[in-house]
Amino acid sequence: METTESSSAAKGCGALIKQINDAIAKRANNSLREKNLTLTQLRVLMELYGFDAIPLKDIEHRLQVAQSSAAGVVSRLRAKGLVTAYTSPDDNRVKLISLTDAGKLYCQETRRDIENVDARMFSGFSEEEKHALNIFLTKICENLK
């Protein structure tokens, strides 16, 4: 049986996780707004980073969105010069998406920004504390699946 104290602590943790998420999202959205991008567009760029090309269908699955939504995001990224889209040379039914040089550069800058936020967020944490937190957060994610 759960005590009132442990139940109260768990509720407090949920609120803290929400507060952390909100702070990170606010920072990300402010940065993206300056670059005229959305969080979904950034997710597509980061999914492409490190690959030569990814089928549009894979982007749909990774982002868990409809084909029309994925195609719309890719179309807007193409208009901004961050991705290219072309038909697969192996299968005319497959549309491949790849980063342009500008898209790759943006992803590299974003990686640095993420590393800076992580460094700030975990300032004062020992390696053991970071490892323990990672384990706890992973358990929470698994519990919510």
C-alpha atoms as a PDB file:
ATOM      1  CA  MET A   1       0.000   0.000   0.000  1.00  0.00           C
ATOM      2  CA  GLU A   2       1.293   3.435  -0.943  1.00  0.00           C
ATOM      3  CA  THR A   3       1.694   6.013   1.772  1.00  0.00           C
ATOM      4  CA  THR A   4       0.312   9.498   1.433  1.00  0.00           C
ATOM      5  CA  GLU A   5       3.865  10.847   1.504  1.00  0.00           C
ATOM      6  CA  SER A   6       5.105   8.682  -1.396  1.00  0.00           C
ATOM      7  CA  SER A   7       1.935   9.370  -3.397  1.00  0.00           C
ATOM      8  CA  SER A   8       2.425  13.096  -2.837  1.00  0.00           C
ATOM      9  CA  ALA A   9       6.086  12.858  -3.929  1.00  0.00           C
ATOM     10  CA  ALA A  10       5.094  11.065  -7.145  1.00  0.00           C
ATOM     11  CA  LYS A  11       2.553  13.794  -7.956  1.00  0.00           C
ATOM     12  CA  GLY A  12       5.254  16.392  -7.337  1.00  0.00           C
ATOM     13  CA  CYS A  13       7.595  14.555  -9.722  1.00  0.00           C
ATOM     14  CA  GLY A  14       4.990  14.609 -12.464  1.00  0.00           C
ATOM     15  CA  ALA A  15       4.568  18.353 -12.060  1.00  0.00           C
ATOM     16  CA  LEU A  16       8.348  18.837 -12.149  1.00  0.00           C
ATOM     17  CA  ILE A  17       8.661  16.744 -15.311  1.00  0.00           C
ATOM     18  CA  LYS A  18       5.921  18.880 -16.910  1.00  0.00           C
ATOM     19  CA  GLN A  19       7.708  22.066 -15.808  1.00  0.00           C
ATOM     20  CA  ILE A  20      11.023  20.833 -17.268  1.00  0.00           C
ATOM     21  CA  ASN A  21       9.302  19.862 -20.529  1.00  0.00           C
ATOM     22  CA  ASP A  22       7.600  23.261 -20.752  1.00  0.00           C
ATOM     23  CA  ALA A  23      10.883  25.109 -20.141  1.00  0.00           C
ATOM     24  CA  ILE A  24      12.706  23.111 -22.816  1.00  0.00           C
ATOM     25  CA  ALA A  25       9.820  23.491 -25.291  1.00  0.00           C
ATOM     26  CA  LYS A  26       9.644  27.252 -24.680  1.00  0.00           C
ATOM     27  CA  ARG A  27      13.383  27.635 -25.297  1.00  0.00           C
ATOM     28  CA  ALA A  28      13.189  25.465 -28.429  1.00  0.00           C
ATOM     29  CA  ASN A  29      10.143  27.275 -29.809  1.00  0.00           C
ATOM     30  CA  ASN A  30      11.726  30.693 -29.263  1.00  0.00           C
ATOM     31  CA  SER A  31      14.877  29.577 -31.061  1.00  0.00           C
ATOM     32  CA  LEU A  32      12.898  27.977 -33.890  1.00  0.00           C
ATOM     33  CA  ARG A  33      10.676  31.036 -34.290  1.00  0.00           C
ATOM     34  CA  GLU A  34      13.801  33.108 -34.980  1.00  0.00           C
ATOM     35  CA  LYS A  35      14.645  30.677 -37.795  1.00  0.00           C
ATOM     36  CA  ASN A  36      11.047  30.462 -39.071  1.00  0.00           C
ATOM     37  CA  LEU A  37      10.791  26.733 -38.276  1.00  0.00           C
ATOM     38  CA  THR A  38       8.377  24.595 -36.277  1.00  0.00           C
ATOM     39  CA  LEU A  39       9.184  21.811 -33.831  1.00  0.00           C
ATOM     40  CA  THR A  40       7.765  19.262 -36.302  1.00  0.00           C
ATOM     41  CA  GLN A  41      10.020  20.604 -39.059  1.00  0.00           C
ATOM     42  CA  LEU A  42      12.994  20.310 -36.708  1.00  0.00           C
ATOM     43  CA  ARG A  43      12.037  16.710 -35.925  1.00  0.00           C
ATOM     44  CA  VAL A  44      12.063  15.893 -39.647  1.00  0.00           C
ATOM     45  CA  LEU A  45      15.463  17.526 -40.106  1.00  0.00           C
ATOM     46  CA  MET A  46      16.917  15.638 -37.138  1.00  0.00           C
ATOM     47  CA  GLU A  47      15.446  12.340 -38.385  1.00  0.00           C
ATOM     48  CA  LEU A  48      17.266  12.907 -41.692  1.00  0.00           C
ATOM     49  CA  TYR A  49      20.550  13.927 -40.081  1.00  0.00           C
ATOM     50  CA  GLY A  50      23.210  11.268 -40.565  1.00  0.00           C
ATOM     51  CA  PHE A  51      21.448   9.566 -43.484  1.00  0.00           C
ATOM     52  CA  ASP A  52      21.896  10.046 -47.225  1.00  0.00           C
ATOM     53  CA  ALA A  53      18.141   9.862 -47.747  1.00  0.00           C
ATOM     54  CA  ILE A  54      15.017   8.511 -46.042  1.00  0.00           C
ATOM     55  CA  PRO A  55      11.764   7.485 -47.727  1.00  0.00           C
ATOM     56  CA  LEU A  56       8.849   9.814 -47.003  1.00  0.00           C
ATOM     57  CA  LYS A  57       6.982   6.752 -45.679  1.00  0.00           C
ATOM     58  CA  ASP A  58       9.636   6.315 -42.959  1.00  0.00           C
ATOM     59  CA  ILE A  59       9.235   9.946 -41.922  1.00  0.00           C
ATOM     60  CA  GLU A  60       5.476   9.358 -41.587  1.00  0.00           C
ATOM     61  CA  HIS A  61       6.109   6.368 -39.309  1.00  0.00           C
ATOM     62  CA  ARG A  62       8.833   8.008 -37.221  1.00  0.00           C
ATOM     63  CA  LEU A  63       6.735  11.102 -36.587  1.00  0.00           C
ATOM     64  CA  GLN A  64       3.497   9.101 -36.357  1.00  0.00           C
ATOM     65  CA  VAL A  65       1.663  11.420 -38.743  1.00  0.00           C
ATOM     66  CA  ALA A  66      -0.462  10.948 -41.851  1.00  0.00           C
ATOM     67  CA  GLN A  67       1.127  10.938 -45.309  1.00  0.00           C
ATOM     68  CA  SER A  68      -0.424  14.314 -46.117  1.00  0.00           C
ATOM     69  CA  SER A  69       1.038  15.873 -42.947  1.00  0.00           C
ATOM     70  CA  ALA A  70       4.521  14.488 -43.617  1.00  0.00           C
ATOM     71  CA  ALA A  71       4.350  15.634 -47.240  1.00  0.00           C
ATOM     72  CA  GLY A  72       3.279  19.126 -46.126  1.00  0.00           C
ATOM     73  CA  VAL A  73       6.173  19.435 -43.668  1.00  0.00           C
ATOM     74  CA  VAL A  74       8.646  18.227 -46.300  1.00  0.00           C
ATOM     75  CA  SER A  75       7.191  20.665 -48.838  1.00  0.00           C
ATOM     76  CA  ARG A  76       7.712  23.590 -46.445  1.00  0.00           C
ATOM     77  CA  LEU A  77      11.269  22.437 -45.698  1.00  0.00           C
ATOM     78  CA  ARG A  78      11.954  22.217 -49.444  1.00  0.00           C
ATOM     79  CA  ALA A  79      10.707  25.777 -49.887  1.00  0.00           C
ATOM     80  CA  LYS A  80      13.184  26.862 -47.187  1.00  0.00           C
ATOM     81  CA  GLY A  81      16.026  25.076 -48.986  1.00  0.00           C
ATOM     82  CA  LEU A  82      16.687  22.618 -46.137  1.00  0.00           C
ATOM     83  CA  VAL A  83      15.708  19.354 -47.867  1.00  0.00           C
ATOM     84  CA  THR A  84      15.355  17.893 -51.333  1.00  0.00           C
ATOM     85  CA  ALA A  85      12.809  15.318 -52.455  1.00  0.00           C
ATOM     86  CA  TYR A  86      13.201  12.975 -55.377  1.00  0.00           C
ATOM     87  CA  THR A  87      11.994   9.662 -56.741  1.00  0.00           C
ATOM     88  CA  SER A  88      14.018   6.612 -55.774  1.00  0.00           C
ATOM     89  CA  PRO A  89      16.121   5.338 -58.688  1.00  0.00           C
ATOM     90  CA  ASP A  90      15.282   1.777 -57.526  1.00  0.00           C
ATOM     91  CA  ASP A  91      11.511   2.185 -57.153  1.00  0.00           C
ATOM     92  CA  ASN A  92       9.484   4.935 -58.829  1.00  0.00           C
ATOM     93  CA  ARG A  93       6.799   4.604 -56.139  1.00  0.00           C
ATOM     94  CA  VAL A  94       9.187   5.717 -53.368  1.00  0.00           C
ATOM     95  CA  LYS A  95       9.858   9.384 -52.653  1.00  0.00           C
ATOM     96  CA  LEU A  96      13.223   9.958 -50.951  1.00  0.00           C
ATOM     97  CA  ILE A  97      13.997  12.955 -48.756  1.00  0.00           C
ATOM     98  CA  SER A  98      17.518  14.205 -48.034  1.00  0.00           C
ATOM     99  CA  LEU A  99      19.115  17.179 -46.333  1.00  0.00           C
ATOM    100  CA  THR A 100      20.679  19.949 -48.373  1.00  0.00           C
ATOM    101  CA  ASP A 101      23.989  21.420 -47.219  1.00  0.00           C
ATOM    102  CA  ALA A 102      21.991  24.176 -45.487  1.00  0.00           C
ATOM    103  CA  GLY A 103      19.874  21.519 -43.755  1.00  0.00           C
ATOM    104  CA  LYS A 104      22.978  19.649 -42.576  1.00  0.00           C
ATOM    105  CA  LEU A 105      24.484  22.866 -41.231  1.00  0.00           C
ATOM    106  CA  TYR A 106      21.257  23.656 -39.383  1.00  0.00           C
ATOM    107  CA  CYS A 107      21.266  20.158 -37.810  1.00  0.00           C
ATOM    108  CA  GLN A 108      24.880  20.597 -36.688  1.00  0.00           C
ATOM    109  CA  GLU A 109      24.003  23.937 -35.070  1.00  0.00           C
ATOM    110  CA  THR A 110      20.968  22.361 -33.424  1.00  0.00           C
ATOM    111  CA  ARG A 111      23.082  19.514 -32.018  1.00  0.00           C
ATOM    112  CA  ARG A 112      25.390  22.096 -30.440  1.00  0.00           C
ATOM    113  CA  ASP A 113      22.379  23.940 -28.994  1.00  0.00           C
ATOM    114  CA  ILE A 114      21.035  20.682 -27.520  1.00  0.00           C
ATOM    115  CA  GLU A 115      24.430  19.907 -25.981  1.00  0.00           C
ATOM    116  CA  ASN A 116      24.513  23.392 -24.434  1.00  0.00           C
ATOM    117  CA  VAL A 117      21.019  22.982 -22.963  1.00  0.00           C
ATOM    118  CA  ASP A 118      21.950  19.535 -21.624  1.00  0.00           C
ATOM    119  CA  ALA A 119      25.121  20.942 -20.037  1.00  0.00           C
ATOM    120  CA  ARG A 120      23.106  23.694 -18.352  1.00  0.00           C
ATOM    121  CA  MET A 121      20.350  21.320 -17.293  1.00  0.00           C
ATOM    122  CA  PHE A 122      22.755  18.838 -15.686  1.00  0.00           C
ATOM    123  CA  SER A 123      25.182  21.359 -14.218  1.00  0.00           C
ATOM    124  CA  GLY A 124      26.144  20.227 -10.724  1.00  0.00           C
ATOM    125  CA  PHE A 125      25.123  16.586 -11.328  1.00  0.00           C
ATOM    126  CA  SER A 126      27.678  13.832 -10.854  1.00  0.00           C
ATOM    127  CA  GLU A 127      27.958  11.136 -13.532  1.00  0.00           C
ATOM    128  CA  GLU A 128      26.294   8.703 -11.106  1.00  0.00           C
ATOM    129  CA  GLU A 129      23.359  11.076 -10.579  1.00  0.00           C
ATOM    130  CA  LYS A 130      22.916  11.539 -14.339  1.00  0.00           C
ATOM    131  CA  HIS A 131      23.014   7.774 -14.831  1.00  0.00           C
ATOM    132  CA  ALA A 132      20.450   7.186 -12.054  1.00  0.00           C
ATOM    133  CA  LEU A 133      18.148   9.886 -13.459  1.00  0.00           C
ATOM    134  CA  ASN A 134      18.392   8.303 -16.904  1.00  0.00           C
ATOM    135  CA  ILE A 135      17.346   4.947 -15.441  1.00  0.00           C
ATOM    136  CA  PHE A 136      14.393   6.496 -13.593  1.00  0.00           C
ATOM    137  CA  LEU A 137      13.168   8.466 -16.606  1.00  0.00           C
ATOM    138  CA  THR A 138      13.491   5.389 -18.827  1.00  0.00           C
ATOM    139  CA  LYS A 139      11.340   3.447 -16.354  1.00  0.00           C
ATOM    140  CA  ILE A 140       8.723   6.195 -16.395  1.00  0.00           C
ATOM    141  CA  CYS A 141       8.652   6.125 -20.220  1.00  0.00           C
ATOM    142  CA  GLU A 142       8.278   2.337 -20.212  1.00  0.00           C
ATOM    143  CA  ASN A 143       5.477   2.546 -17.617  1.00  0.00           C
ATOM    144  CA  LEU A 144       3.561   4.946 -19.849  1.00  0.00           C
ATOM    145  CA  LYS A 145       3.700   2.758 -22.967  1.00  0.00           C
END
